[in-house]
Structures are given as C-alpha cells and as structure tokens.
Amino acid sequence: MADGATYAHSRGPLKKAEVFKTTDGAELVGEFFLPVNAARGALVMNGATGVPQTFYRAFAEYAAQEHGFVVFTYDYRDMGRSGRGSVRRSTASMADWGLQDQQAARAYVRRNFPELAFWTIGHSLGAMTLPLQQDTDGIDRVICVASGNVSHSDHPWPYRAQALMFWFGLGPVVAGVFGYVPGKLLGIGADLPGPAYWQWRRWCTSKNTFGDEAGRSLPAIHWDQPQTQVKFIAFDDDVMMPPHCVKRLAGDYGKTDTDVTVITPEAHGLKAVGHLSAFSRKNRAIWDQILA
C-alpha cells in the first residue's frame, strides 16, 4: 500500500505499482504518478471501456509534472494489469467496472492522500456511471471527457454502420462463439469479457440510459453534490460520443447544455481528436484545457 506521508517527500514523478481490492474482493493494479514539488491535489483517472491504464501514462505524467497533481491510473478487473486468467472465464460486467472498481480506486487514493483536494477525470465510461455511485461526498471536481449517454441511433453515418455491426452483427456472433469479444483480434482494443459486452450492448441499443437497469438492477441515478464542480468536454469530431450525448449525461449531474465545452480540434492546431485520442500524446495541445 502507498504511504502518502512518504510520497510527500519524494522527488518525482514517481511511479509505483499499487495493488488494492474492491469491496467484492476483486484485486486491481494501479500506479501513482507524483509531482516534483508539493501536490495541489489528488486525481483519479477512470479509463474508457477496453482502454488500459498505460494509454493514460503520458497524460498522468503531464498532470503530475506540469499541474502538480498526484495522479492515479488503474485497470478495471480482468483488464490490462488487473487481468486474472482467461478473459473467457471472466464474469466482469460494465457495472462492476463503473461502480465497484471506480469506487474502490477513489477510496484507495483517499486513504493514501486524505489531506489533498480530490479530483476525478472520467473518460467515456469513466464518468458515465458516477451519478449511480455511493460515497461521492468529498469530490472537489469531476471532469467528464467524451463521456455521455449514447444509443446506436445517435451515431452519424457512416460510423453508425460500424456500430450496428458491433451490436447486431459481428459482435453478438463472436461473443456467442468465443464467450468474449476478442478485441485484439478484431482491432478494436482490449479483449472484452462476455458479461461486459452484453451489458454494454443493452445500454447502447436502448433509448434509455443504462437500458432501464438504473433503479432496478442498478442504483438509481442520483447526483446531489452541489459542492462538486463538474466539467464536461466533448469533441465535435467524436462520432462515437457526439456532443449531444455528452449534454444528455450533463442532465444526470443536474447540469445543462451550457455546462458542456465542445472542443474543435482545428482550434488547437490538431487534425482530429475523436473519442479515444483525447489523452494521446499527439493531442497534448488540449491537455491544459482539460485540466483547467
């Protein structure tokens, strides 16, 4: 376990593997990135579906070195460095990642750095489920990046054709045959456990957030944290999570469309950002705006 008092006197950025457990017993692996000087706050990075924590390493180092944060990245259960055995046998669901794992990471960082202001950055899934979670008191700032409530009918063409194939064509076929979705083989990211894929499919092919599971098999949507600053960032070239879907999520936080910042890549000298590349090193030009 990390020792916040020890870290406070370390020169950085320090990177150290951390193992922690969720309340239901899953063992997860994360990593701290430490600033050189006194920290201004602690920041937990909740990743997107199928995206390993290593993808966020450059951003974590930047947030630590240039903005003075203690940054914690981690992998959801049965993903990346938190992988345990064959993904085919995994029982991990999207709800496990979005509720159990995210809450455990937040609690772990709080235990180690209780004296620091606390921030959360959620990329896609990383902020989508926060309004369902318990123990959200004490979060000073939430930054939602390319995170929203989306249905397959929200995607623009021609990307919608790919989404339809993933939800109604090739995706169900390979999930049924393999027992999981071989993302690496298909070139769409990490391998996804079967339960996670099927739940994700229900959420993204329903007109209602979480496919009517919220308030039934999942906690009800309830965000009542007026002291928490919540910031939403969308990208106008994001075909997977168009800006109007980010604005839909803002409603779950009790916010309006005016609380959503829509970034145009060209305004920052970038060719494209899209859905997954906001934290890619090549798009470093937008990182200050994310952390502002």
C-alpha atoms as a PDB file:
ATOM      1  CA  MET A   1       0.000   0.000   0.000  1.00  0.00           C
ATOM      2  CA  ALA A   2       1.169   3.523  -0.740  1.00  0.00           C
ATOM      3  CA  ASP A   3       2.139   5.851   2.077  1.00  0.00           C
ATOM      4  CA  GLY A   4       1.044   9.415   1.455  1.00  0.00           C
ATOM      5  CA  ALA A   5       3.472  10.827   4.012  1.00  0.00           C
ATOM      6  CA  THR A   6       6.382   9.078   2.302  1.00  0.00           C
ATOM      7  CA  TYR A   7       5.285  10.185  -1.140  1.00  0.00           C
ATOM      8  CA  ALA A   8       5.020  13.790   0.031  1.00  0.00           C
ATOM      9  CA  HIS A   9       8.812  13.850   0.485  1.00  0.00           C
ATOM     10  CA  SER A  10       9.677  12.050  -2.756  1.00  0.00           C
ATOM     11  CA  ARG A  11      11.162  13.648  -5.815  1.00  0.00           C
ATOM     12  CA  GLY A  12       9.200  12.750  -8.893  1.00  0.00           C
ATOM     13  CA  PRO A  13       7.485  11.956 -10.978  1.00  0.00           C
ATOM     14  CA  LEU A  14       7.492   8.712  -9.028  1.00  0.00           C
ATOM     15  CA  LYS A  15       5.746   5.687 -10.491  1.00  0.00           C
ATOM     16  CA  LYS A  16       4.923   2.790  -8.254  1.00  0.00           C
ATOM     17  CA  ALA A  17       2.663  -0.209  -8.840  1.00  0.00           C
ATOM     18  CA  GLU A  18      -0.161  -0.495  -6.325  1.00  0.00           C
ATOM     19  CA  VAL A  19      -2.435  -3.455  -5.617  1.00  0.00           C
ATOM     20  CA  PHE A  20      -5.803  -2.801  -3.990  1.00  0.00           C
ATOM     21  CA  LYS A  21      -9.107  -4.605  -3.604  1.00  0.00           C
ATOM     22  CA  THR A  22     -12.726  -3.786  -4.250  1.00  0.00           C
ATOM     23  CA  THR A  23     -15.450  -4.402  -1.679  1.00  0.00           C
ATOM     24  CA  ASP A  24     -16.453  -7.592  -3.524  1.00  0.00           C
ATOM     25  CA  GLY A  25     -12.882  -8.925  -3.413  1.00  0.00           C
ATOM     26  CA  ALA A  26     -11.531  -8.179  -6.902  1.00  0.00           C
ATOM     27  CA  GLU A  27      -7.808  -7.381  -6.943  1.00  0.00           C
ATOM     28  CA  LEU A  28      -6.828  -4.412  -9.094  1.00  0.00           C
ATOM     29  CA  VAL A  29      -3.492  -2.927 -10.096  1.00  0.00           C
ATOM     30  CA  GLY A  30      -2.817   0.785 -10.374  1.00  0.00           C
ATOM     31  CA  GLU A  31       0.053   3.251 -10.480  1.00  0.00           C
ATOM     32  CA  PHE A  32       0.777   6.579  -8.804  1.00  0.00           C
ATOM     33  CA  PHE A  33       2.464   9.492 -10.582  1.00  0.00           C
ATOM     34  CA  LEU A  34       3.918  12.072  -8.196  1.00  0.00           C
ATOM     35  CA  PRO A  35       4.795  15.742  -8.751  1.00  0.00           C
ATOM     36  CA  VAL A  36       8.298  17.039  -8.036  1.00  0.00           C
ATOM     37  CA  ASN A  37       7.076  19.669  -5.576  1.00  0.00           C
ATOM     38  CA  ALA A  38       4.203  19.807  -3.103  1.00  0.00           C
ATOM     39  CA  ALA A  39       0.988  18.411  -4.578  1.00  0.00           C
ATOM     40  CA  ARG A  40      -2.012  20.651  -5.224  1.00  0.00           C
ATOM     41  CA  GLY A  41      -4.433  17.722  -5.269  1.00  0.00           C
ATOM     42  CA  ALA A  42      -5.025  14.047  -5.947  1.00  0.00           C
ATOM     43  CA  LEU A  43      -6.539  12.954  -9.251  1.00  0.00           C
ATOM     44  CA  VAL A  44      -8.005   9.551 -10.130  1.00  0.00           C
ATOM     45  CA  MET A  45      -8.109   8.624 -13.812  1.00  0.00           C
ATOM     46  CA  ASN A  46     -11.125   6.435 -14.649  1.00  0.00           C
ATOM     47  CA  GLY A  47     -10.468   4.970 -18.070  1.00  0.00           C
ATOM     48  CA  ALA A  48     -12.700   4.172 -21.022  1.00  0.00           C
ATOM     49  CA  THR A  49     -14.007   0.708 -21.867  1.00  0.00           C
ATOM     50  CA  GLY A  50     -11.255  -1.608 -23.084  1.00  0.00           C
ATOM     51  CA  VAL A  51      -8.535   1.035 -22.698  1.00  0.00           C
ATOM     52  CA  PRO A  52      -5.590   0.013 -20.479  1.00  0.00           C
ATOM     53  CA  GLN A  53      -4.105   2.372 -17.925  1.00  0.00           C
ATOM     54  CA  THR A  54      -0.852   2.509 -19.903  1.00  0.00           C
ATOM     55  CA  PHE A  55      -2.687   4.610 -22.510  1.00  0.00           C
ATOM     56  CA  TYR A  56      -3.060   7.395 -19.928  1.00  0.00           C
ATOM     57  CA  ARG A  57       0.563   7.354 -18.773  1.00  0.00           C
ATOM     58  CA  ALA A  58       1.731  10.380 -20.790  1.00  0.00           C
ATOM     59  CA  PHE A  59      -1.228  12.448 -19.580  1.00  0.00           C
ATOM     60  CA  ALA A  60      -0.671  11.309 -15.979  1.00  0.00           C
ATOM     61  CA  GLU A  61       2.976  12.344 -16.131  1.00  0.00           C
ATOM     62  CA  TYR A  62       1.970  15.710 -17.594  1.00  0.00           C
ATOM     63  CA  ALA A  63      -0.681  16.328 -14.928  1.00  0.00           C
ATOM     64  CA  ALA A  64       1.874  15.474 -12.239  1.00  0.00           C
ATOM     65  CA  GLN A  65       4.800  17.470 -13.632  1.00  0.00           C
ATOM     66  CA  GLU A  66       3.036  20.493 -15.119  1.00  0.00           C
ATOM     67  CA  HIS A  67      -0.046  20.800 -12.894  1.00  0.00           C
ATOM     68  CA  GLY A  68       1.178  19.406  -9.584  1.00  0.00           C
ATOM     69  CA  PHE A  69      -1.257  16.517  -9.127  1.00  0.00           C
ATOM     70  CA  VAL A  70      -0.782  13.142  -7.541  1.00  0.00           C
ATOM     71  CA  VAL A  71      -2.310  11.064 -10.344  1.00  0.00           C
ATOM     72  CA  PHE A  72      -3.573   7.511 -10.009  1.00  0.00           C
ATOM     73  CA  THR A  73      -4.246   5.279 -13.008  1.00  0.00           C
ATOM     74  CA  TYR A  74      -5.513   1.707 -12.799  1.00  0.00           C
ATOM     75  CA  ASP A  75      -7.044  -1.115 -14.800  1.00  0.00           C
ATOM     76  CA  TYR A  76     -10.551  -2.420 -14.296  1.00  0.00           C
ATOM     77  CA  ARG A  77     -10.927  -6.040 -13.203  1.00  0.00           C
ATOM     78  CA  ASP A  78      -9.856  -8.652 -15.748  1.00  0.00           C
ATOM     79  CA  MET A  79      -8.335  -5.938 -17.956  1.00  0.00           C
ATOM     80  CA  GLY A  80      -4.711  -4.920 -18.515  1.00  0.00           C
ATOM     81  CA  ARG A  81      -2.530  -5.374 -15.450  1.00  0.00           C
ATOM     82  CA  SER A  82      -5.603  -6.325 -13.428  1.00  0.00           C
ATOM     83  CA  GLY A  83      -6.151  -9.337 -15.688  1.00  0.00           C
ATOM     84  CA  ARG A  84      -6.548 -12.678 -13.939  1.00  0.00           C
ATOM     85  CA  GLY A  85      -6.535 -15.765 -16.141  1.00  0.00           C
ATOM     86  CA  SER A  86      -8.584 -16.268 -19.288  1.00  0.00           C
ATOM     87  CA  VAL A  87     -10.935 -13.472 -20.261  1.00  0.00           C
ATOM     88  CA  ARG A  88     -13.303 -16.185 -21.461  1.00  0.00           C
ATOM     89  CA  ARG A  89     -13.973 -17.166 -17.855  1.00  0.00           C
ATOM     90  CA  SER A  90     -14.366 -13.583 -16.633  1.00  0.00           C
ATOM     91  CA  THR A  91     -17.658 -12.605 -15.030  1.00  0.00           C
ATOM     92  CA  ALA A  92     -16.831  -8.867 -15.119  1.00  0.00           C
ATOM     93  CA  SER A  93     -19.650  -6.582 -16.191  1.00  0.00           C
ATOM     94  CA  MET A  94     -19.765  -2.925 -17.137  1.00  0.00           C
ATOM     95  CA  ALA A  95     -21.465  -2.272 -13.803  1.00  0.00           C
ATOM     96  CA  ASP A  96     -18.539  -3.933 -11.997  1.00  0.00           C
ATOM     97  CA  TRP A  97     -16.113  -1.588 -13.743  1.00  0.00           C
ATOM     98  CA  GLY A  98     -18.275   1.522 -13.427  1.00  0.00           C
ATOM     99  CA  LEU A  99     -19.378   1.028  -9.831  1.00  0.00           C
ATOM    100  CA  GLN A 100     -17.231  -1.364  -7.817  1.00  0.00           C
ATOM    101  CA  ASP A 101     -13.853  -0.666  -9.427  1.00  0.00           C
ATOM    102  CA  GLN A 102     -14.161   3.098  -9.769  1.00  0.00           C
ATOM    103  CA  GLN A 103     -15.351   3.465  -6.178  1.00  0.00           C
ATOM    104  CA  ALA A 104     -12.518   1.241  -4.921  1.00  0.00           C
ATOM    105  CA  ALA A 105      -9.890   3.323  -6.753  1.00  0.00           C
ATOM    106  CA  ARG A 106     -11.316   6.525  -5.322  1.00  0.00           C
ATOM    107  CA  ALA A 107     -11.363   5.108  -1.793  1.00  0.00           C
ATOM    108  CA  TYR A 108      -7.781   3.843  -2.159  1.00  0.00           C
ATOM    109  CA  VAL A 109      -6.440   7.240  -3.158  1.00  0.00           C
ATOM    110  CA  ARG A 110      -8.389   8.981  -0.414  1.00  0.00           C
ATOM    111  CA  ARG A 111      -6.882   6.662   2.185  1.00  0.00           C
ATOM    112  CA  ASN A 112      -3.390   7.472   0.995  1.00  0.00           C
ATOM    113  CA  PHE A 113      -3.801  11.214   0.417  1.00  0.00           C
ATOM    114  CA  PRO A 114      -6.621  12.353   2.738  1.00  0.00           C
ATOM    115  CA  GLU A 115      -5.194  15.855   3.070  1.00  0.00           C
ATOM    116  CA  LEU A 116      -5.342  16.719  -0.633  1.00  0.00           C
ATOM    117  CA  ALA A 117      -8.147  18.180  -2.718  1.00  0.00           C
ATOM    118  CA  PHE A 118      -9.723  15.351  -4.694  1.00  0.00           C
ATOM    119  CA  TRP A 119     -10.398  15.330  -8.448  1.00  0.00           C
ATOM    120  CA  THR A 120     -11.744  12.653 -10.772  1.00  0.00           C
ATOM    121  CA  ILE A 121     -11.317  12.547 -14.530  1.00  0.00           C
ATOM    122  CA  GLY A 122     -13.608  10.144 -16.329  1.00  0.00           C
ATOM    123  CA  HIS A 123     -13.007   9.163 -19.943  1.00  0.00           C
ATOM    124  CA  SER A 124     -16.163   7.748 -21.567  1.00  0.00           C
ATOM    125  CA  LEU A 125     -17.319   5.005 -19.127  1.00  0.00           C
ATOM    126  CA  GLY A 126     -15.097   6.709 -16.556  1.00  0.00           C
ATOM    127  CA  ALA A 127     -17.683   9.424 -15.828  1.00  0.00           C
ATOM    128  CA  MET A 128     -20.871   7.837 -17.134  1.00  0.00           C
ATOM    129  CA  THR A 129     -21.677   5.827 -14.008  1.00  0.00           C
ATOM    130  CA  LEU A 130     -20.636   8.330 -11.338  1.00  0.00           C
ATOM    131  CA  PRO A 131     -24.259   9.521 -10.803  1.00  0.00           C
ATOM    132  CA  LEU A 132     -25.096   5.922  -9.783  1.00  0.00           C
ATOM    133  CA  GLN A 133     -22.342   5.647  -7.209  1.00  0.00           C
ATOM    134  CA  GLN A 134     -22.316   5.885  -3.451  1.00  0.00           C
ATOM    135  CA  ASP A 135     -19.713   7.752  -1.397  1.00  0.00           C
ATOM    136  CA  THR A 136     -19.365  10.675  -3.776  1.00  0.00           C
ATOM    137  CA  ASP A 137     -19.047  13.175  -0.940  1.00  0.00           C
ATOM    138  CA  GLY A 138     -15.743  14.987  -0.843  1.00  0.00           C
ATOM    139  CA  ILE A 139     -15.051  15.030  -4.578  1.00  0.00           C
ATOM    140  CA  ASP A 140     -13.984  18.581  -5.309  1.00  0.00           C
ATOM    141  CA  ARG A 141     -14.017  18.371  -9.092  1.00  0.00           C
ATOM    142  CA  VAL A 142     -15.218  15.933 -11.753  1.00  0.00           C
ATOM    143  CA  ILE A 143     -14.040  16.291 -15.338  1.00  0.00           C
ATOM    144  CA  CYS A 144     -16.053  14.262 -17.844  1.00  0.00           C
ATOM    145  CA  VAL A 145     -14.180  13.784 -21.130  1.00  0.00           C
ATOM    146  CA  ALA A 146     -16.033  12.330 -24.144  1.00  0.00           C
ATOM    147  CA  SER A 147     -18.437  10.756 -21.650  1.00  0.00           C
ATOM    148  CA  GLY A 148     -22.147  10.582 -22.301  1.00  0.00           C
ATOM    149  CA  ASN A 149     -25.292   8.539 -22.725  1.00  0.00           C
ATOM    150  CA  VAL A 150     -25.398   7.162 -26.240  1.00  0.00           C
ATOM    151  CA  SER A 151     -27.600   4.860 -28.292  1.00  0.00           C
ATOM    152  CA  HIS A 152     -26.728   3.361 -31.671  1.00  0.00           C
ATOM    153  CA  SER A 153     -29.195   5.774 -33.286  1.00  0.00           C
ATOM    154  CA  ASP A 154     -27.118   8.746 -32.070  1.00  0.00           C
ATOM    155  CA  HIS A 155     -24.110   7.977 -34.254  1.00  0.00           C
ATOM    156  CA  PRO A 156     -23.715   9.809 -37.558  1.00  0.00           C
ATOM    157  CA  TRP A 157     -23.286   7.855 -40.772  1.00  0.00           C
ATOM    158  CA  PRO A 158     -21.128   6.135 -41.926  1.00  0.00           C
ATOM    159  CA  TYR A 159     -19.885   5.287 -38.411  1.00  0.00           C
ATOM    160  CA  ARG A 160     -23.383   4.145 -37.479  1.00  0.00           C
ATOM    161  CA  ALA A 161     -22.943   1.175 -39.826  1.00  0.00           C
ATOM    162  CA  GLN A 162     -19.925   0.024 -37.768  1.00  0.00           C
ATOM    163  CA  ALA A 163     -21.874   0.414 -34.547  1.00  0.00           C
ATOM    164  CA  LEU A 164     -24.784  -1.592 -35.906  1.00  0.00           C
ATOM    165  CA  MET A 165     -22.397  -4.362 -36.931  1.00  0.00           C
ATOM    166  CA  PHE A 166     -20.823  -4.380 -33.462  1.00  0.00           C
ATOM    167  CA  TRP A 167     -24.172  -4.553 -31.661  1.00  0.00           C
ATOM    168  CA  PHE A 168     -26.315  -6.578 -34.074  1.00  0.00           C
ATOM    169  CA  GLY A 169     -23.925  -8.388 -36.419  1.00  0.00           C
ATOM    170  CA  LEU A 170     -20.362  -9.500 -35.837  1.00  0.00           C
ATOM    171  CA  GLY A 171     -20.264  -8.578 -32.147  1.00  0.00           C
ATOM    172  CA  PRO A 172     -23.006 -10.938 -30.921  1.00  0.00           C
ATOM    173  CA  VAL A 173     -21.716 -13.715 -33.173  1.00  0.00           C
ATOM    174  CA  VAL A 174     -18.135 -13.650 -31.856  1.00  0.00           C
ATOM    175  CA  ALA A 175     -19.312 -13.114 -28.273  1.00  0.00           C
ATOM    176  CA  GLY A 176     -21.509 -16.180 -28.604  1.00  0.00           C
ATOM    177  CA  VAL A 177     -18.812 -18.311 -30.226  1.00  0.00           C
ATOM    178  CA  PHE A 178     -15.828 -17.283 -28.083  1.00  0.00           C
ATOM    179  CA  GLY A 179     -17.609 -16.388 -24.854  1.00  0.00           C
ATOM    180  CA  TYR A 180     -15.957 -12.966 -25.018  1.00  0.00           C
ATOM    181  CA  VAL A 181     -15.207 -10.322 -27.637  1.00  0.00           C
ATOM    182  CA  PRO A 182     -11.646 -10.703 -28.987  1.00  0.00           C
ATOM    183  CA  GLY A 183     -10.966  -7.014 -29.338  1.00  0.00           C
ATOM    184  CA  LYS A 184      -7.306  -7.519 -30.100  1.00  0.00           C
ATOM    185  CA  LEU A 185      -8.132  -9.864 -32.968  1.00  0.00           C
ATOM    186  CA  LEU A 186     -10.794  -7.517 -34.314  1.00  0.00           C
ATOM    187  CA  GLY A 187      -8.545  -4.476 -33.953  1.00  0.00           C
ATOM    188  CA  ILE A 188     -10.934  -2.615 -31.655  1.00  0.00           C
ATOM    189  CA  GLY A 189      -8.918  -2.601 -28.420  1.00  0.00           C
ATOM    190  CA  ALA A 190      -8.607  -4.983 -25.499  1.00  0.00           C
ATOM    191  CA  ASP A 191     -10.495  -8.271 -25.256  1.00  0.00           C
ATOM    192  CA  LEU A 192     -13.857  -7.787 -23.506  1.00  0.00           C
ATOM    193  CA  PRO A 193     -15.426 -10.271 -21.077  1.00  0.00           C
ATOM    194  CA  GLY A 194     -18.735 -11.662 -22.300  1.00  0.00           C
ATOM    195  CA  PRO A 195     -20.862 -10.197 -19.468  1.00  0.00           C
ATOM    196  CA  ALA A 196     -19.339  -6.756 -20.033  1.00  0.00           C
ATOM    197  CA  TYR A 197     -20.067  -6.884 -23.760  1.00  0.00           C
ATOM    198  CA  TRP A 198     -23.695  -7.978 -23.344  1.00  0.00           C
ATOM    199  CA  GLN A 199     -24.439  -5.348 -20.720  1.00  0.00           C
ATOM    200  CA  TRP A 200     -22.699  -2.683 -22.784  1.00  0.00           C
ATOM    201  CA  ARG A 201     -24.824  -3.774 -25.742  1.00  0.00           C
ATOM    202  CA  ARG A 202     -28.024  -3.380 -23.725  1.00  0.00           C
ATOM    203  CA  TRP A 203     -27.016   0.108 -22.662  1.00  0.00           C
ATOM    204  CA  CYS A 204     -26.038   1.251 -26.144  1.00  0.00           C
ATOM    205  CA  THR A 205     -29.042  -0.167 -28.003  1.00  0.00           C
ATOM    206  CA  SER A 206     -31.616   1.290 -25.629  1.00  0.00           C
ATOM    207  CA  LYS A 207     -33.246   4.695 -25.791  1.00  0.00           C
ATOM    208  CA  ASN A 208     -32.920   4.928 -22.013  1.00  0.00           C
ATOM    209  CA  THR A 209     -29.732   5.381 -20.051  1.00  0.00           C
ATOM    210  CA  PHE A 210     -28.406   2.044 -18.789  1.00  0.00           C
ATOM    211  CA  GLY A 211     -31.135   0.204 -20.668  1.00  0.00           C
ATOM    212  CA  ASP A 212     -33.722   0.648 -17.903  1.00  0.00           C
ATOM    213  CA  GLU A 213     -31.381  -1.023 -15.364  1.00  0.00           C
ATOM    214  CA  ALA A 214     -30.956   2.178 -13.324  1.00  0.00           C
ATOM    215  CA  GLY A 215     -33.257   1.982 -10.324  1.00  0.00           C
ATOM    216  CA  ARG A 216     -33.745  -1.745 -10.810  1.00  0.00           C
ATOM    217  CA  SER A 217     -30.689  -3.992 -11.017  1.00  0.00           C
ATOM    218  CA  LEU A 218     -28.510  -0.872 -10.739  1.00  0.00           C
ATOM    219  CA  PRO A 219     -28.781   2.023  -8.273  1.00  0.00           C
ATOM    220  CA  ALA A 220     -30.998   4.892  -9.360  1.00  0.00           C
ATOM    221  CA  ILE A 221     -29.418   7.938 -10.959  1.00  0.00           C
ATOM    222  CA  HIS A 222     -28.957  10.380  -8.118  1.00  0.00           C
ATOM    223  CA  TRP A 223     -26.368  13.142  -8.042  1.00  0.00           C
ATOM    224  CA  ASP A 224     -26.725  15.544  -5.139  1.00  0.00           C
ATOM    225  CA  GLN A 225     -23.287  17.064  -4.663  1.00  0.00           C
ATOM    226  CA  PRO A 226     -23.704  20.840  -5.028  1.00  0.00           C
ATOM    227  CA  GLN A 227     -20.193  21.410  -3.657  1.00  0.00           C
ATOM    228  CA  THR A 228     -18.604  19.421  -6.505  1.00  0.00           C
ATOM    229  CA  GLN A 229     -17.579  21.289  -9.635  1.00  0.00           C
ATOM    230  CA  VAL A 230     -18.478  19.246 -12.702  1.00  0.00           C
ATOM    231  CA  LYS A 231     -16.992  19.960 -16.112  1.00  0.00           C
ATOM    232  CA  PHE A 232     -17.961  18.305 -19.402  1.00  0.00           C
ATOM    233  CA  ILE A 233     -15.778  18.187 -22.507  1.00  0.00           C
ATOM    234  CA  ALA A 234     -16.981  16.960 -25.886  1.00  0.00           C
ATOM    235  CA  PHE A 235     -15.290  16.940 -29.287  1.00  0.00           C
ATOM    236  CA  ASP A 236     -17.078  17.998 -32.431  1.00  0.00           C
ATOM    237  CA  ASP A 237     -15.413  15.195 -34.430  1.00  0.00           C
ATOM    238  CA  ASP A 238     -16.375  12.438 -31.956  1.00  0.00           C
ATOM    239  CA  VAL A 239     -18.652  10.065 -33.879  1.00  0.00           C
ATOM    240  CA  MET A 240     -18.753   7.525 -31.027  1.00  0.00           C
ATOM    241  CA  MET A 241     -19.948  10.044 -28.432  1.00  0.00           C
ATOM    242  CA  PRO A 242     -21.328  13.086 -30.255  1.00  0.00           C
ATOM    243  CA  PRO A 243     -21.661  16.312 -28.252  1.00  0.00           C
ATOM    244  CA  HIS A 244     -25.427  15.969 -27.831  1.00  0.00           C
ATOM    245  CA  CYS A 245     -24.831  12.662 -25.972  1.00  0.00           C
ATOM    246  CA  VAL A 246     -22.419  14.406 -23.602  1.00  0.00           C
ATOM    247  CA  LYS A 247     -25.083  17.030 -22.994  1.00  0.00           C
ATOM    248  CA  ARG A 248     -27.509  14.216 -22.163  1.00  0.00           C
ATOM    249  CA  LEU A 249     -25.143  12.970 -19.446  1.00  0.00           C
ATOM    250  CA  ALA A 250     -24.874  16.509 -18.089  1.00  0.00           C
ATOM    251  CA  GLY A 251     -28.552  16.201 -17.196  1.00  0.00           C
ATOM    252  CA  ASP A 252     -27.771  13.248 -14.923  1.00  0.00           C
ATOM    253  CA  TYR A 253     -25.479  15.583 -12.980  1.00  0.00           C
ATOM    254  CA  GLY A 254     -28.160  18.259 -12.808  1.00  0.00           C
ATOM    255  CA  LYS A 255     -26.382  20.402 -15.384  1.00  0.00           C
ATOM    256  CA  THR A 256     -27.475  21.961 -18.674  1.00  0.00           C
ATOM    257  CA  ASP A 257     -26.121  22.179 -22.210  1.00  0.00           C
ATOM    258  CA  THR A 258     -24.281  25.375 -21.322  1.00  0.00           C
ATOM    259  CA  ASP A 259     -22.042  23.400 -18.946  1.00  0.00           C
ATOM    260  CA  VAL A 260     -20.601  21.390 -21.855  1.00  0.00           C
ATOM    261  CA  THR A 261     -17.479  22.647 -23.628  1.00  0.00           C
ATOM    262  CA  VAL A 262     -17.264  21.427 -27.225  1.00  0.00           C
ATOM    263  CA  ILE A 263     -13.682  21.410 -28.495  1.00  0.00           C
ATOM    264  CA  THR A 264     -12.896  21.783 -32.181  1.00  0.00           C
ATOM    265  CA  PRO A 265      -9.540  20.113 -32.943  1.00  0.00           C
ATOM    266  CA  GLU A 266      -8.626  22.676 -35.580  1.00  0.00           C
ATOM    267  CA  ALA A 267      -8.800  25.440 -32.972  1.00  0.00           C
ATOM    268  CA  HIS A 268      -5.836  23.770 -31.252  1.00  0.00           C
ATOM    269  CA  GLY A 269      -3.889  23.043 -34.429  1.00  0.00           C
ATOM    270  CA  LEU A 270      -4.930  19.389 -34.417  1.00  0.00           C
ATOM    271  CA  LYS A 271      -6.218  17.300 -37.301  1.00  0.00           C
ATOM    272  CA  ALA A 272      -8.524  15.139 -35.190  1.00  0.00           C
ATOM    273  CA  VAL A 273      -9.297  14.067 -31.643  1.00  0.00           C
ATOM    274  CA  GLY A 274     -12.375  11.877 -31.865  1.00  0.00           C
ATOM    275  CA  HIS A 275     -13.439   9.661 -28.991  1.00  0.00           C
ATOM    276  CA  LEU A 276     -10.384   7.784 -27.757  1.00  0.00           C
ATOM    277  CA  SER A 277      -7.481  10.076 -28.553  1.00  0.00           C
ATOM    278  CA  ALA A 278      -8.002  12.968 -26.152  1.00  0.00           C
ATOM    279  CA  PHE A 279      -5.316  11.522 -23.883  1.00  0.00           C
ATOM    280  CA  SER A 280      -2.952  10.519 -26.665  1.00  0.00           C
ATOM    281  CA  ARG A 281       0.429  12.258 -26.589  1.00  0.00           C
ATOM    282  CA  LYS A 282      -0.172  13.645 -30.088  1.00  0.00           C
ATOM    283  CA  ASN A 283      -3.113  15.665 -28.708  1.00  0.00           C
ATOM    284  CA  ARG A 284      -1.213  17.203 -25.815  1.00  0.00           C
ATOM    285  CA  ALA A 285      -2.322  20.645 -27.026  1.00  0.00           C
ATOM    286  CA  ILE A 286      -5.746  20.171 -25.373  1.00  0.00           C
ATOM    287  CA  TRP A 287      -4.485  18.841 -22.008  1.00  0.00           C
ATOM    288  CA  ASP A 288      -4.288  22.249 -20.336  1.00  0.00           C
ATOM    289  CA  GLN A 289      -7.908  22.887 -21.271  1.00  0.00           C
ATOM    290  CA  ILE A 290      -8.951  19.530 -19.839  1.00  0.00           C
ATOM    291  CA  LEU A 291      -7.199  20.315 -16.546  1.00  0.00           C
ATOM    292  CA  ALA A 292      -8.259  23.969 -16.361  1.00  0.00           C
END
